[in-house]
């Protein structure tokens, strides 16, 4: 049993669906390594 999970998404596209699914829980941290740029799908994942 683990109290916390780190989800690492290494892909050319931002893992926005996974990030959104776990956004309001402190039990899962999501990290996405992806390409970001103008006119690149899905257009999310900018550093904030």
C-alpha atoms as a PDB file:
ATOM      1  CA  UNK A   1       0.000   0.000   0.000  1.00  0.00           C
ATOM      2  CA  UNK A   2       1.353   3.419  -0.979  1.00  0.00           C
ATOM      3  CA  UNK A   3       0.017   6.690   0.345  1.00  0.00           C
ATOM      4  CA  UNK A   4       1.282   8.691  -2.643  1.00  0.00           C
ATOM      5  CA  UNK A   5       1.953   8.006  -6.310  1.00  0.00           C
ATOM      6  CA  UNK A   6       4.199   9.814  -8.795  1.00  0.00           C
ATOM      7  CA  UNK A   7       2.893   9.481 -12.372  1.00  0.00           C
ATOM      8  CA  UNK A   8       5.549  10.292 -15.000  1.00  0.00           C
ATOM      9  CA  UNK A   9       4.326  10.803 -18.573  1.00  0.00           C
ATOM     10  CA  UNK A  10       7.096  10.825 -21.200  1.00  0.00           C
ATOM     11  CA  UNK A  11       5.477  11.502 -24.552  1.00  0.00           C
ATOM     12  CA  UNK A  12       5.492  14.048 -27.344  1.00  0.00           C
ATOM     13  CA  UNK A  13       2.017  15.238 -26.226  1.00  0.00           C
ATOM     14  CA  UNK A  14       1.119  16.810 -22.882  1.00  0.00           C
ATOM     15  CA  UNK A  15      -0.617  14.393 -20.497  1.00  0.00           C
ATOM     16  CA  UNK A  16      -3.444  16.839 -19.883  1.00  0.00           C
ATOM     17  CA  UNK A  17      -6.106  14.183 -19.264  1.00  0.00           C
ATOM     18  CA  UNK A  18      -4.093  12.491 -16.528  1.00  0.00           C
ATOM     19  CA  UNK A  19      -3.178  15.853 -15.019  1.00  0.00           C
ATOM     20  CA  UNK A  20      -6.834  16.901 -14.947  1.00  0.00           C
ATOM     21  CA  UNK A  21      -7.973  13.583 -13.458  1.00  0.00           C
ATOM     22  CA  UNK A  22      -5.696  13.962 -10.430  1.00  0.00           C
ATOM     23  CA  UNK A  23      -5.571  17.769 -10.149  1.00  0.00           C
ATOM     24  CA  UNK A  24      -7.519  18.012  -6.881  1.00  0.00           C
ATOM     25  CA  UNK A  25      -5.857  15.178  -4.950  1.00  0.00           C
ATOM     26  CA  UNK A  26      -2.675  15.331  -2.906  1.00  0.00           C
ATOM     27  CA  UNK A  27      -2.166  11.562  -3.304  1.00  0.00           C
ATOM     28  CA  UNK A  28      -1.008  11.696  -6.951  1.00  0.00           C
ATOM     29  CA  UNK A  29       1.644  13.963  -8.460  1.00  0.00           C
ATOM     30  CA  UNK A  30       1.771  14.081 -12.252  1.00  0.00           C
ATOM     31  CA  UNK A  31       4.846  15.091 -14.259  1.00  0.00           C
ATOM     32  CA  UNK A  32       4.692  15.422 -18.044  1.00  0.00           C
ATOM     33  CA  UNK A  33       7.750  15.634 -20.297  1.00  0.00           C
ATOM     34  CA  UNK A  34       6.447  16.733 -23.694  1.00  0.00           C
ATOM     35  CA  UNK A  35       6.941  18.994 -26.682  1.00  0.00           C
ATOM     36  CA  UNK A  36       5.391  22.433 -26.429  1.00  0.00           C
ATOM     37  CA  UNK A  37       5.063  25.061 -29.116  1.00  0.00           C
ATOM     38  CA  UNK A  38       2.766  27.107 -31.279  1.00  0.00           C
ATOM     39  CA  UNK A  39       0.319  25.043 -33.315  1.00  0.00           C
ATOM     40  CA  UNK A  40       1.271  21.787 -31.586  1.00  0.00           C
ATOM     41  CA  UNK A  41      -1.554  19.559 -30.292  1.00  0.00           C
ATOM     42  CA  UNK A  42      -3.059  19.851 -27.721  1.00  0.00           C
ATOM     43  CA  UNK A  43      -1.587  23.299 -27.016  1.00  0.00           C
ATOM     44  CA  UNK A  44      -1.466  22.749 -23.245  1.00  0.00           C
ATOM     45  CA  UNK A  45       1.343  22.163 -20.791  1.00  0.00           C
ATOM     46  CA  UNK A  46       2.966  25.574 -20.569  1.00  0.00           C
ATOM     47  CA  UNK A  47       5.069  26.148 -17.454  1.00  0.00           C
ATOM     48  CA  UNK A  48       3.106  28.195 -14.933  1.00  0.00           C
END
